[in-house]
Structure formats: structure tokens, C-alpha cells
């Protein structure tokens, strides 16, 4: 298995932003989502939300795409809830929001998601962390026509690896020996030279 640390903040909403995630439904919904994520090898660090949307902080293994995961979790969870004889036909809105996280940002993201209800009650939710879309909306700082822009090639200078420090990995993964990541070697931050033409 490859070494990986891929953390994401996911958010998606109920169909038409209906307030269907009630205190009666929420425990079953969240437990089901965590269970389905685990079936795909996804670690759910935090799940929480408001009456009309759900947030997750997850680690997704490289063999699972974000789109595949969200599709699976939304489809399976709405199907499960609709089998429970609810007064409404539960459904999720098309689309979702996804942000990547570094290991250093993960605790802040976990705290934000853990306090979702308080953020919404006090109107302190951060708008761009609540965003989702049914359309593909990439970063705002991309050039207007990427196909017309020259692509600079990056060449990494030869790094030297320092084997004296060993990264044991995060402490929050399961304690099963089979699931423990292998120690990773740390390298100093490389410097990059921008070349005029792509180097292949």
C-alpha cells in the first residue's frame, strides 16, 4: 500500500436546502455515512452540520476519488433514510464542496466542523467553508484561458534526504499493526528552477 496523507473538508446540502436533518434523523444519518466511508477505507475524523447541510473532515485513500466517495455517501445515505418511513422523501442537492487540507490545518478544520451548530446559531459560519456547487468551480486565480498560457517546466534540484528524523505518521489512525503507515523520510524543502521550455 502506498504512503498517503490526503485530508479533505467536504460539504453538501439537502435537496433545495430543506431543513430535513433533524435531531431525530441526524444520529442515524451520520453513523450511516461514517460506516459507508469506512467500507471504502476512508477515515472520518469529524462529521457534523446544520439542518440543511453536512460537513465531513476525512482522509481518503489514493484509490478512491473524491467524486466517487461523495456520490457513494450521498446515494447510500439518502436511500437508507428513505427506507425508514420518513414523512418526507429525503434527498441531497446536486454537487458538493471540497477543500484540501494539510496535516497542520486539520485540527482547525475539525474544530470548525465540530462547532457547526454553534456557528450557525451565532451566525459565525465562514461563507467559503460552507460553499458547495453543482457546477465545477475551480480556483478563482486561474488564467482566463489555460490552454493559451505557456506551461513553465519545473525542475527540482537534487534533494538531500535527512534520515535522522523519521515521521511516525499521525497518531489518530487505528492502532492495528496492518494499518500503521511505514515511517517516511523527510527531505529539506527543495528549490525549483523555472525553465523556459518543458523538460521531459
N, C-alpha and C. Protein backbone atom coordinates (compact mmCIF):
# COMPACT_ATOMS: atom_id res chain seq x y z
N UNK A 1 0.85 -1.19 0.00
CA UNK A 1 0.00 0.00 0.00
C UNK A 1 0.89 1.24 0.00
N UNK A 2 0.51 2.26 -0.78
CA UNK A 2 1.32 3.47 -0.82
C UNK A 2 1.18 4.28 0.46
N UNK A 3 2.18 5.11 0.71
CA UNK A 3 2.11 6.07 1.81
C UNK A 3 1.20 7.20 1.37
N UNK A 4 0.28 7.62 2.24
CA UNK A 4 -0.61 8.73 1.87
C UNK A 4 -1.10 9.49 3.09
N UNK A 5 -1.29 10.79 2.90
CA UNK A 5 -1.90 11.69 3.87
C UNK A 5 -2.74 12.67 3.06
N UNK A 6 -3.96 12.29 2.75
CA UNK A 6 -4.81 13.11 1.91
C UNK A 6 -6.06 13.50 2.69
N UNK A 7 -6.08 14.71 3.21
CA UNK A 7 -7.17 15.19 4.05
C UNK A 7 -8.06 16.14 3.26
N UNK A 8 -9.37 16.02 3.49
CA UNK A 8 -10.34 16.84 2.78
C UNK A 8 -11.42 17.34 3.73
N UNK A 9 -11.95 18.51 3.42
CA UNK A 9 -13.15 19.05 4.07
C UNK A 9 -14.23 18.99 3.00
N UNK A 10 -15.27 18.19 3.25
CA UNK A 10 -16.38 18.01 2.32
C UNK A 10 -17.63 18.66 2.89
N UNK A 11 -18.45 19.21 2.01
CA UNK A 11 -19.74 19.77 2.43
C UNK A 11 -20.74 19.56 1.31
N UNK A 12 -21.96 19.16 1.67
CA UNK A 12 -23.04 19.08 0.70
C UNK A 12 -24.36 19.35 1.40
N UNK A 13 -25.38 19.72 0.62
CA UNK A 13 -26.65 20.19 1.17
C UNK A 13 -27.80 19.26 0.83
N UNK A 14 -28.87 19.40 1.61
CA UNK A 14 -30.10 18.68 1.32
C UNK A 14 -30.76 19.28 0.08
N UNK A 15 -31.61 18.51 -0.55
CA UNK A 15 -32.31 18.97 -1.74
C UNK A 15 -33.06 20.27 -1.43
N UNK A 16 -32.84 21.28 -2.24
CA UNK A 16 -33.45 22.60 -2.09
C UNK A 16 -33.20 23.23 -0.72
N UNK A 17 -32.15 22.77 -0.07
CA UNK A 17 -31.77 23.27 1.26
C UNK A 17 -32.90 23.11 2.28
N UNK A 18 -33.66 22.05 2.13
CA UNK A 18 -34.74 21.76 3.07
C UNK A 18 -34.15 21.38 4.43
N UNK A 19 -34.76 21.81 5.53
CA UNK A 19 -34.22 21.51 6.87
C UNK A 19 -34.60 20.09 7.34
N UNK A 20 -34.12 19.09 6.63
CA UNK A 20 -34.50 17.70 6.88
C UNK A 20 -33.60 17.00 7.89
N UNK A 21 -32.44 17.57 8.19
CA UNK A 21 -31.54 16.89 9.13
C UNK A 21 -31.93 17.33 10.54
N UNK A 22 -32.91 16.63 11.06
CA UNK A 22 -33.46 16.94 12.38
C UNK A 22 -32.71 16.16 13.46
N UNK A 23 -32.88 16.52 14.73
CA UNK A 23 -32.23 15.75 15.81
C UNK A 23 -32.63 14.27 15.81
N UNK A 24 -33.82 13.94 15.27
CA UNK A 24 -34.23 12.53 15.19
C UNK A 24 -33.48 11.78 14.10
N UNK A 25 -33.21 12.44 13.00
CA UNK A 25 -32.58 11.81 11.83
C UNK A 25 -31.06 11.83 11.93
N UNK A 26 -30.50 12.90 12.47
CA UNK A 26 -29.05 13.12 12.44
C UNK A 26 -28.21 11.95 12.96
N UNK A 27 -28.49 11.35 14.13
CA UNK A 27 -27.62 10.26 14.60
C UNK A 27 -27.54 9.08 13.63
N UNK A 28 -28.68 8.67 13.08
CA UNK A 28 -28.67 7.57 12.12
C UNK A 28 -27.93 7.97 10.85
N UNK A 29 -28.22 9.17 10.34
CA UNK A 29 -27.59 9.65 9.11
C UNK A 29 -26.07 9.68 9.24
N UNK A 30 -25.57 10.29 10.31
CA UNK A 30 -24.13 10.44 10.47
C UNK A 30 -23.44 9.09 10.71
N UNK A 31 -24.06 8.23 11.50
CA UNK A 31 -23.49 6.91 11.73
C UNK A 31 -23.43 6.11 10.43
N UNK A 32 -24.46 6.24 9.61
CA UNK A 32 -24.50 5.51 8.34
C UNK A 32 -23.42 6.03 7.38
N UNK A 33 -23.24 7.34 7.33
CA UNK A 33 -22.21 7.92 6.46
C UNK A 33 -20.82 7.45 6.90
N UNK A 34 -20.56 7.46 8.20
CA UNK A 34 -19.26 7.00 8.71
C UNK A 34 -19.05 5.53 8.37
N UNK A 35 -20.08 4.71 8.52
CA UNK A 35 -19.99 3.29 8.20
C UNK A 35 -19.69 3.08 6.72
N UNK A 36 -20.40 3.78 5.85
CA UNK A 36 -20.18 3.63 4.40
C UNK A 36 -18.79 4.13 3.99
N UNK A 37 -18.34 5.20 4.62
CA UNK A 37 -16.99 5.71 4.32
C UNK A 37 -15.95 4.66 4.70
N UNK A 38 -16.11 4.03 5.86
CA UNK A 38 -15.16 3.01 6.31
C UNK A 38 -15.11 1.84 5.34
N UNK A 39 -16.22 1.51 4.72
CA UNK A 39 -16.23 0.42 3.73
C UNK A 39 -15.29 0.71 2.55
N UNK A 40 -15.08 1.99 2.26
CA UNK A 40 -14.17 2.39 1.18
C UNK A 40 -12.76 2.67 1.68
N UNK A 41 -12.52 2.46 2.97
CA UNK A 41 -11.19 2.73 3.53
C UNK A 41 -10.97 4.18 3.88
N UNK A 42 -12.04 4.95 3.98
CA UNK A 42 -11.97 6.38 4.28
C UNK A 42 -12.10 6.58 5.79
N UNK A 43 -11.22 7.39 6.37
CA UNK A 43 -11.28 7.73 7.78
C UNK A 43 -12.09 9.02 7.94
N UNK A 44 -13.13 8.99 8.73
CA UNK A 44 -13.92 10.19 9.03
C UNK A 44 -13.47 10.69 10.39
N UNK A 45 -12.84 11.85 10.41
CA UNK A 45 -12.36 12.42 11.66
C UNK A 45 -13.48 13.15 12.39
N UNK A 46 -14.29 13.89 11.64
CA UNK A 46 -15.41 14.64 12.21
C UNK A 46 -16.54 14.69 11.19
N UNK A 47 -17.76 14.55 11.66
CA UNK A 47 -18.94 14.78 10.82
C UNK A 47 -19.91 15.59 11.66
N UNK A 48 -20.48 16.61 11.06
CA UNK A 48 -21.43 17.47 11.76
C UNK A 48 -22.09 18.34 10.70
N UNK A 49 -23.00 19.15 11.09
CA UNK A 49 -23.65 20.02 10.12
C UNK A 49 -24.77 20.81 10.73
N UNK A 50 -25.67 21.23 9.87
CA UNK A 50 -26.83 22.02 10.26
C UNK A 50 -28.04 21.32 9.70
N UNK A 51 -29.20 21.89 9.81
CA UNK A 51 -30.42 21.22 9.38
C UNK A 51 -30.48 20.98 7.88
N UNK A 52 -29.69 21.73 7.12
CA UNK A 52 -29.78 21.62 5.66
C UNK A 52 -28.46 21.25 4.96
N UNK A 53 -27.42 20.93 5.72
CA UNK A 53 -26.17 20.52 5.08
C UNK A 53 -25.28 19.75 6.06
N UNK A 54 -24.31 19.06 5.49
CA UNK A 54 -23.41 18.21 6.26
C UNK A 54 -21.96 18.52 5.91
N UNK A 55 -21.10 18.53 6.92
CA UNK A 55 -19.65 18.70 6.75
C UNK A 55 -18.94 17.44 7.22
N UNK A 56 -17.86 17.09 6.55
CA UNK A 56 -17.00 15.98 6.99
C UNK A 56 -15.54 16.39 6.85
N UNK A 57 -14.72 15.97 7.78
CA UNK A 57 -13.27 16.03 7.63
C UNK A 57 -12.83 14.59 7.49
N UNK A 58 -12.21 14.27 6.36
CA UNK A 58 -11.89 12.88 6.04
C UNK A 58 -10.47 12.74 5.52
N UNK A 59 -9.97 11.52 5.57
CA UNK A 59 -8.74 11.13 4.88
C UNK A 59 -9.16 10.08 3.86
N UNK A 60 -8.92 10.37 2.60
CA UNK A 60 -9.37 9.50 1.51
C UNK A 60 -8.15 8.81 0.90
N UNK A 61 -8.15 7.47 0.83
CA UNK A 61 -7.01 6.78 0.24
C UNK A 61 -6.90 7.09 -1.27
N UNK A 62 -5.71 6.96 -1.82
CA UNK A 62 -5.48 7.35 -3.22
C UNK A 62 -6.33 6.59 -4.24
N UNK A 63 -6.76 5.39 -3.91
CA UNK A 63 -7.54 4.62 -4.90
C UNK A 63 -9.01 5.03 -4.95
N UNK A 64 -9.43 5.96 -4.10
CA UNK A 64 -10.82 6.43 -4.09
C UNK A 64 -10.83 7.90 -4.50
N UNK A 65 -11.58 8.24 -5.54
CA UNK A 65 -11.67 9.64 -5.93
C UNK A 65 -12.67 10.36 -5.04
N UNK A 66 -12.50 11.66 -4.91
CA UNK A 66 -13.42 12.46 -4.11
C UNK A 66 -14.84 12.33 -4.68
N UNK A 67 -14.97 12.45 -6.00
CA UNK A 67 -16.29 12.38 -6.63
C UNK A 67 -16.95 11.03 -6.37
N UNK A 68 -16.18 9.96 -6.47
CA UNK A 68 -16.72 8.61 -6.21
C UNK A 68 -17.18 8.50 -4.76
N UNK A 69 -16.39 9.00 -3.83
CA UNK A 69 -16.75 8.94 -2.41
C UNK A 69 -18.04 9.70 -2.13
N UNK A 70 -18.12 10.95 -2.60
CA UNK A 70 -19.29 11.77 -2.33
C UNK A 70 -20.54 11.14 -2.95
N UNK A 71 -20.42 10.67 -4.18
CA UNK A 71 -21.55 10.01 -4.84
C UNK A 71 -22.03 8.81 -4.02
N UNK A 72 -21.10 8.01 -3.55
CA UNK A 72 -21.44 6.81 -2.77
C UNK A 72 -22.10 7.19 -1.44
N UNK A 73 -21.52 8.16 -0.73
CA UNK A 73 -22.06 8.54 0.58
C UNK A 73 -23.43 9.20 0.46
N UNK A 74 -23.59 10.08 -0.51
CA UNK A 74 -24.88 10.75 -0.68
C UNK A 74 -25.96 9.76 -1.12
N UNK A 75 -25.65 8.93 -2.08
CA UNK A 75 -26.64 7.97 -2.59
C UNK A 75 -27.05 6.95 -1.55
N UNK A 76 -26.06 6.36 -0.89
CA UNK A 76 -26.36 5.31 0.10
C UNK A 76 -27.11 5.89 1.31
N UNK A 77 -26.71 7.07 1.77
CA UNK A 77 -27.36 7.63 2.97
C UNK A 77 -28.80 8.07 2.68
N UNK A 78 -29.06 8.66 1.53
CA UNK A 78 -30.44 9.05 1.22
C UNK A 78 -31.31 7.80 1.03
N UNK A 79 -30.76 6.77 0.40
CA UNK A 79 -31.50 5.52 0.24
C UNK A 79 -31.84 4.92 1.60
N UNK A 80 -30.87 4.88 2.50
CA UNK A 80 -31.10 4.32 3.82
C UNK A 80 -32.20 5.09 4.56
N UNK A 81 -32.13 6.42 4.55
CA UNK A 81 -33.14 7.21 5.26
C UNK A 81 -34.53 7.01 4.66
N UNK A 82 -34.60 6.89 3.35
CA UNK A 82 -35.90 6.70 2.72
C UNK A 82 -36.49 5.32 2.99
N UNK A 83 -35.68 4.37 3.43
CA UNK A 83 -36.19 3.05 3.81
C UNK A 83 -36.77 3.05 5.22
N UNK A 84 -36.60 4.16 5.94
CA UNK A 84 -37.03 4.24 7.34
C UNK A 84 -38.45 4.76 7.51
N UNK A 85 -39.14 5.04 6.41
CA UNK A 85 -40.52 5.51 6.51
C UNK A 85 -40.65 6.95 6.97
N UNK A 86 -39.76 7.82 6.52
CA UNK A 86 -39.83 9.24 6.88
C UNK A 86 -41.07 9.88 6.27
N UNK A 87 -41.50 10.98 6.86
CA UNK A 87 -42.65 11.73 6.34
C UNK A 87 -42.32 12.42 5.02
N UNK A 88 -41.02 12.64 4.74
CA UNK A 88 -40.59 13.29 3.50
C UNK A 88 -39.68 12.33 2.73
N UNK A 89 -39.56 12.59 1.43
CA UNK A 89 -38.62 11.81 0.62
C UNK A 89 -37.27 12.53 0.71
N UNK A 90 -36.35 11.99 1.52
CA UNK A 90 -35.06 12.64 1.76
C UNK A 90 -34.20 12.58 0.51
N UNK A 91 -33.52 13.66 0.22
CA UNK A 91 -32.60 13.70 -0.91
C UNK A 91 -31.55 14.77 -0.71
N UNK A 92 -30.44 14.58 -1.40
CA UNK A 92 -29.35 15.56 -1.36
C UNK A 92 -29.40 16.40 -2.63
N UNK A 93 -28.99 17.64 -2.52
CA UNK A 93 -28.88 18.52 -3.67
C UNK A 93 -27.70 18.06 -4.52
N UNK A 94 -27.76 18.34 -5.82
CA UNK A 94 -26.62 18.01 -6.69
C UNK A 94 -25.40 18.80 -6.26
N UNK A 95 -24.23 18.22 -6.48
CA UNK A 95 -22.99 18.92 -6.22
C UNK A 95 -22.51 18.80 -4.79
N UNK A 96 -21.36 19.39 -4.54
CA UNK A 96 -20.72 19.37 -3.22
C UNK A 96 -19.59 20.37 -3.21
N UNK A 97 -19.04 20.62 -2.04
CA UNK A 97 -17.84 21.44 -1.90
C UNK A 97 -16.72 20.58 -1.37
N UNK A 98 -15.51 20.84 -1.80
CA UNK A 98 -14.34 20.09 -1.31
C UNK A 98 -13.15 21.03 -1.21
N UNK A 99 -12.48 20.94 -0.08
CA UNK A 99 -11.24 21.69 0.15
C UNK A 99 -10.18 20.70 0.61
N UNK A 100 -8.97 20.87 0.14
CA UNK A 100 -7.88 20.02 0.62
C UNK A 100 -7.29 20.64 1.87
N UNK A 101 -6.77 19.79 2.72
CA UNK A 101 -6.17 20.24 3.98
C UNK A 101 -4.79 19.64 4.14
N UNK A 102 -3.90 20.39 4.73
CA UNK A 102 -2.64 19.84 5.17
C UNK A 102 -2.80 19.31 6.59
N UNK A 103 -1.85 18.55 7.04
CA UNK A 103 -1.94 17.98 8.38
C UNK A 103 -2.00 19.08 9.45
N UNK A 104 -1.35 20.22 9.17
CA UNK A 104 -1.38 21.32 10.14
C UNK A 104 -2.73 22.03 10.19
N UNK A 105 -3.48 22.04 9.07
CA UNK A 105 -4.79 22.69 9.05
C UNK A 105 -5.90 21.80 9.59
N UNK A 106 -5.64 20.50 9.64
CA UNK A 106 -6.68 19.54 10.01
C UNK A 106 -7.30 19.83 11.38
N UNK A 107 -6.52 20.13 12.44
CA UNK A 107 -7.16 20.41 13.74
C UNK A 107 -8.12 21.61 13.70
N UNK A 108 -7.76 22.66 12.97
CA UNK A 108 -8.65 23.82 12.86
C UNK A 108 -9.92 23.45 12.11
N UNK A 109 -9.77 22.67 11.04
CA UNK A 109 -10.94 22.23 10.28
C UNK A 109 -11.84 21.34 11.13
N UNK A 110 -11.24 20.46 11.91
CA UNK A 110 -12.01 19.59 12.79
C UNK A 110 -12.79 20.42 13.82
N UNK A 111 -12.15 21.43 14.38
CA UNK A 111 -12.83 22.29 15.36
C UNK A 111 -13.98 23.04 14.71
N UNK A 112 -13.76 23.54 13.50
CA UNK A 112 -14.82 24.27 12.80
C UNK A 112 -16.04 23.37 12.56
N UNK A 113 -15.80 22.16 12.08
CA UNK A 113 -16.90 21.23 11.81
C UNK A 113 -17.56 20.78 13.11
N UNK A 114 -16.78 20.52 14.14
CA UNK A 114 -17.34 20.10 15.43
C UNK A 114 -18.30 21.15 16.00
N UNK A 115 -18.02 22.42 15.70
CA UNK A 115 -18.83 23.52 16.23
C UNK A 115 -19.84 24.07 15.22
N UNK A 116 -20.23 23.27 14.25
CA UNK A 116 -21.14 23.73 13.21
C UNK A 116 -22.43 24.34 13.76
N UNK A 117 -23.06 23.65 14.66
CA UNK A 117 -24.35 24.14 15.17
C UNK A 117 -24.19 25.49 15.87
N UNK A 118 -23.14 25.63 16.64
CA UNK A 118 -22.87 26.90 17.32
C UNK A 118 -22.59 28.00 16.30
N UNK A 119 -21.80 27.69 15.26
CA UNK A 119 -21.50 28.69 14.22
C UNK A 119 -22.79 29.18 13.56
N UNK A 120 -23.71 28.27 13.27
CA UNK A 120 -24.94 28.67 12.60
C UNK A 120 -25.90 29.39 13.55
N UNK A 121 -25.95 28.97 14.80
CA UNK A 121 -26.80 29.68 15.78
C UNK A 121 -26.30 31.10 16.02
N UNK A 122 -24.98 31.27 16.09
CA UNK A 122 -24.38 32.58 16.39
C UNK A 122 -24.07 33.38 15.12
N UNK A 123 -24.37 32.82 13.96
CA UNK A 123 -24.10 33.46 12.67
C UNK A 123 -22.61 33.77 12.50
N UNK A 124 -21.76 32.81 12.89
CA UNK A 124 -20.32 32.97 12.74
C UNK A 124 -19.73 31.97 11.73
N UNK A 125 -20.60 31.34 10.94
CA UNK A 125 -20.12 30.40 9.92
C UNK A 125 -19.30 31.16 8.88
N UNK A 126 -18.27 30.54 8.37
CA UNK A 126 -17.38 31.14 7.36
C UNK A 126 -17.93 30.76 5.98
N UNK A 127 -18.36 31.74 5.22
CA UNK A 127 -19.09 31.51 3.97
C UNK A 127 -18.36 30.57 3.01
N UNK A 128 -17.07 30.77 2.79
CA UNK A 128 -16.38 29.94 1.81
C UNK A 128 -16.16 28.51 2.30
N UNK A 129 -16.28 28.26 3.60
CA UNK A 129 -16.22 26.88 4.11
C UNK A 129 -17.59 26.21 4.06
N UNK A 130 -18.62 26.98 3.78
CA UNK A 130 -19.98 26.45 3.67
C UNK A 130 -20.38 26.27 2.21
N UNK A 131 -19.50 26.58 1.30
CA UNK A 131 -19.84 26.60 -0.12
C UNK A 131 -19.86 25.22 -0.73
N UNK A 132 -20.80 25.02 -1.60
CA UNK A 132 -20.91 23.81 -2.40
C UNK A 132 -21.49 24.26 -3.73
N UNK A 133 -21.38 23.45 -4.75
CA UNK A 133 -21.93 23.81 -6.05
C UNK A 133 -22.20 22.56 -6.85
N UNK A 134 -23.23 22.64 -7.71
CA UNK A 134 -23.48 21.53 -8.61
C UNK A 134 -22.64 21.67 -9.88
N UNK A 135 -22.00 22.82 -10.03
CA UNK A 135 -21.14 23.06 -11.18
C UNK A 135 -19.69 22.96 -10.75
N UNK A 136 -18.80 22.70 -11.68
CA UNK A 136 -17.38 22.60 -11.39
C UNK A 136 -16.80 24.00 -11.28
N UNK A 137 -16.53 24.43 -10.07
CA UNK A 137 -15.97 25.77 -9.83
C UNK A 137 -14.58 25.61 -9.25
N UNK A 138 -13.58 25.80 -10.08
CA UNK A 138 -12.21 25.69 -9.61
C UNK A 138 -11.75 26.99 -8.96
N UNK A 139 -10.45 27.11 -8.70
CA UNK A 139 -9.91 28.32 -8.06
C UNK A 139 -10.18 29.57 -8.89
N UNK A 140 -10.33 30.71 -8.21
CA UNK A 140 -10.60 31.98 -8.88
C UNK A 140 -9.35 32.58 -9.53
N UNK A 141 -8.17 32.13 -9.15
CA UNK A 141 -6.95 32.76 -9.62
C UNK A 141 -6.33 32.08 -10.84
N UNK A 142 -7.11 31.28 -11.57
CA UNK A 142 -6.59 30.64 -12.76
C UNK A 142 -6.60 31.63 -13.93
N UNK A 143 -5.67 31.48 -14.88
CA UNK A 143 -5.69 32.34 -16.06
C UNK A 143 -7.01 32.14 -16.82
N UNK A 144 -7.42 33.14 -17.58
CA UNK A 144 -8.71 33.07 -18.26
C UNK A 144 -8.77 31.96 -19.29
N UNK A 145 -7.69 31.64 -19.94
CA UNK A 145 -7.67 30.56 -20.91
C UNK A 145 -6.41 29.72 -20.70
N UNK A 146 -6.50 28.70 -19.86
CA UNK A 146 -5.31 27.91 -19.54
C UNK A 146 -4.65 27.28 -20.76
N UNK A 147 -5.43 26.96 -21.79
CA UNK A 147 -4.85 26.31 -22.97
C UNK A 147 -3.92 27.24 -23.73
N UNK A 148 -4.13 28.55 -23.61
CA UNK A 148 -3.31 29.51 -24.34
C UNK A 148 -2.07 29.95 -23.56
N UNK A 149 -2.00 29.62 -22.29
CA UNK A 149 -0.88 30.04 -21.46
C UNK A 149 0.27 29.06 -21.57
N UNK A 150 1.51 29.53 -21.71
CA UNK A 150 2.64 28.60 -21.72
C UNK A 150 2.79 27.96 -20.34
N UNK A 151 3.14 26.71 -20.35
CA UNK A 151 3.31 25.99 -19.10
C UNK A 151 4.79 25.93 -18.77
N UNK A 152 5.23 26.61 -17.70
CA UNK A 152 6.64 26.53 -17.35
C UNK A 152 6.95 25.15 -16.78
N UNK A 153 8.13 24.68 -17.08
CA UNK A 153 8.55 23.39 -16.54
C UNK A 153 9.30 23.64 -15.24
N UNK A 154 9.08 22.77 -14.30
CA UNK A 154 9.78 22.87 -13.02
C UNK A 154 10.78 21.73 -12.94
N UNK A 155 11.97 22.06 -12.55
CA UNK A 155 12.98 21.03 -12.35
C UNK A 155 13.45 21.15 -10.92
N UNK A 156 13.32 20.08 -10.19
CA UNK A 156 13.73 20.08 -8.79
C UNK A 156 15.23 19.86 -8.72
N UNK A 157 15.88 20.70 -7.93
CA UNK A 157 17.30 20.46 -7.72
C UNK A 157 17.45 19.17 -6.92
N UNK A 158 18.58 18.53 -7.03
CA UNK A 158 18.79 17.25 -6.35
C UNK A 158 18.65 17.42 -4.84
N UNK A 159 17.60 16.82 -4.26
CA UNK A 159 17.44 16.96 -2.81
C UNK A 159 18.37 16.02 -2.06
N UNK A 160 18.68 16.41 -0.87
CA UNK A 160 19.40 15.50 0.02
C UNK A 160 18.42 15.06 1.08
N UNK A 161 18.38 13.80 1.36
CA UNK A 161 17.42 13.27 2.32
C UNK A 161 18.08 13.10 3.67
N UNK A 162 17.42 13.62 4.69
CA UNK A 162 17.91 13.52 6.05
C UNK A 162 17.19 12.37 6.72
N UNK A 163 17.87 11.28 6.95
CA UNK A 163 17.26 10.09 7.54
C UNK A 163 17.27 10.13 9.06
N UNK A 164 17.76 11.21 9.64
CA UNK A 164 17.82 11.25 11.10
C UNK A 164 16.46 11.50 11.73
N UNK A 165 15.56 12.16 11.00
CA UNK A 165 14.21 12.38 11.51
C UNK A 165 13.27 11.43 10.79
N UNK A 166 12.48 10.69 11.53
CA UNK A 166 11.54 9.76 10.94
C UNK A 166 10.14 10.18 11.35
N UNK A 167 9.27 10.31 10.35
CA UNK A 167 7.88 10.67 10.59
C UNK A 167 7.11 9.41 10.90
N UNK A 168 6.56 9.33 12.09
CA UNK A 168 5.81 8.15 12.50
C UNK A 168 4.38 8.20 12.01
N UNK A 169 3.96 9.28 11.39
CA UNK A 169 2.60 9.39 10.89
C UNK A 169 1.68 9.95 11.96
N UNK A 170 0.43 10.20 11.60
CA UNK A 170 -0.49 10.78 12.57
C UNK A 170 -0.82 9.78 13.67
N UNK A 171 -1.11 10.31 14.84
CA UNK A 171 -1.45 9.47 15.98
C UNK A 171 -2.91 9.06 15.97
N UNK A 172 -3.70 9.60 15.05
CA UNK A 172 -5.14 9.36 15.09
C UNK A 172 -5.61 8.26 14.16
N UNK A 173 -4.69 7.49 13.56
CA UNK A 173 -5.10 6.34 12.75
C UNK A 173 -5.30 5.14 13.66
N UNK A 174 -6.08 4.16 13.22
CA UNK A 174 -6.32 2.98 14.06
C UNK A 174 -5.02 2.32 14.48
N UNK A 175 -5.04 1.62 15.62
CA UNK A 175 -3.83 1.05 16.18
C UNK A 175 -3.50 -0.33 15.62
N UNK A 176 -4.27 -0.84 14.68
CA UNK A 176 -3.99 -2.14 14.09
C UNK A 176 -2.63 -2.09 13.39
N UNK A 177 -1.73 -3.06 13.66
CA UNK A 177 -0.41 -3.02 13.05
C UNK A 177 -0.47 -3.01 11.52
N UNK A 178 -1.47 -3.66 10.96
CA UNK A 178 -1.58 -3.70 9.50
C UNK A 178 -1.91 -2.34 8.93
N UNK A 179 -2.54 -1.48 9.71
CA UNK A 179 -2.94 -0.18 9.19
C UNK A 179 -1.94 0.92 9.52
N UNK A 180 -0.86 0.60 10.22
CA UNK A 180 0.12 1.61 10.57
C UNK A 180 0.96 1.96 9.35
N UNK A 181 1.12 3.25 9.07
CA UNK A 181 1.94 3.65 7.92
C UNK A 181 3.42 3.41 8.19
N UNK A 182 4.13 3.14 7.12
CA UNK A 182 5.57 2.97 7.24
C UNK A 182 6.19 4.33 7.53
N UNK A 183 7.31 4.37 8.25
CA UNK A 183 7.97 5.65 8.50
C UNK A 183 8.35 6.32 7.19
N UNK A 184 8.20 7.62 7.14
CA UNK A 184 8.54 8.38 5.95
C UNK A 184 9.83 9.15 6.19
N UNK A 185 10.59 9.32 5.14
CA UNK A 185 11.81 10.11 5.24
C UNK A 185 11.45 11.56 4.98
N UNK A 186 12.04 12.46 5.73
CA UNK A 186 11.79 13.89 5.50
C UNK A 186 12.92 14.45 4.66
N UNK A 187 12.55 15.28 3.71
CA UNK A 187 13.55 15.94 2.92
C UNK A 187 13.46 17.44 3.12
N UNK A 188 14.57 18.12 2.99
CA UNK A 188 14.50 19.58 3.12
C UNK A 188 13.69 20.14 1.96
N UNK A 189 13.11 21.31 2.15
CA UNK A 189 12.32 21.93 1.09
C UNK A 189 13.21 22.16 -0.12
N UNK A 190 12.84 21.57 -1.26
CA UNK A 190 13.66 21.74 -2.45
C UNK A 190 13.46 23.13 -3.04
N UNK A 191 14.43 23.55 -3.83
CA UNK A 191 14.28 24.79 -4.57
C UNK A 191 13.95 24.41 -6.00
N UNK A 192 13.18 25.22 -6.66
CA UNK A 192 12.75 24.92 -8.01
C UNK A 192 13.27 25.97 -8.97
N UNK A 193 13.71 25.53 -10.13
CA UNK A 193 14.14 26.41 -11.19
C UNK A 193 13.07 26.41 -12.26
N UNK A 194 12.57 27.57 -12.68
CA UNK A 194 11.58 27.65 -13.74
C UNK A 194 12.33 27.71 -15.05
N UNK A 195 12.03 26.82 -15.94
CA UNK A 195 12.67 26.75 -17.26
C UNK A 195 11.76 27.37 -18.30
N UNK A 196 12.33 27.77 -19.41
CA UNK A 196 11.54 28.37 -20.47
C UNK A 196 10.74 27.31 -21.25
N UNK A 197 11.29 26.14 -21.39
CA UNK A 197 10.62 25.09 -22.14
C UNK A 197 10.44 23.87 -21.24
N UNK A 198 9.39 23.10 -21.53
CA UNK A 198 9.18 21.90 -20.71
C UNK A 198 10.36 20.95 -20.81
N UNK A 199 10.72 20.36 -19.69
CA UNK A 199 11.80 19.37 -19.66
C UNK A 199 11.16 18.00 -19.44
N UNK A 200 11.40 17.11 -20.35
CA UNK A 200 10.80 15.77 -20.26
C UNK A 200 11.86 14.73 -20.07
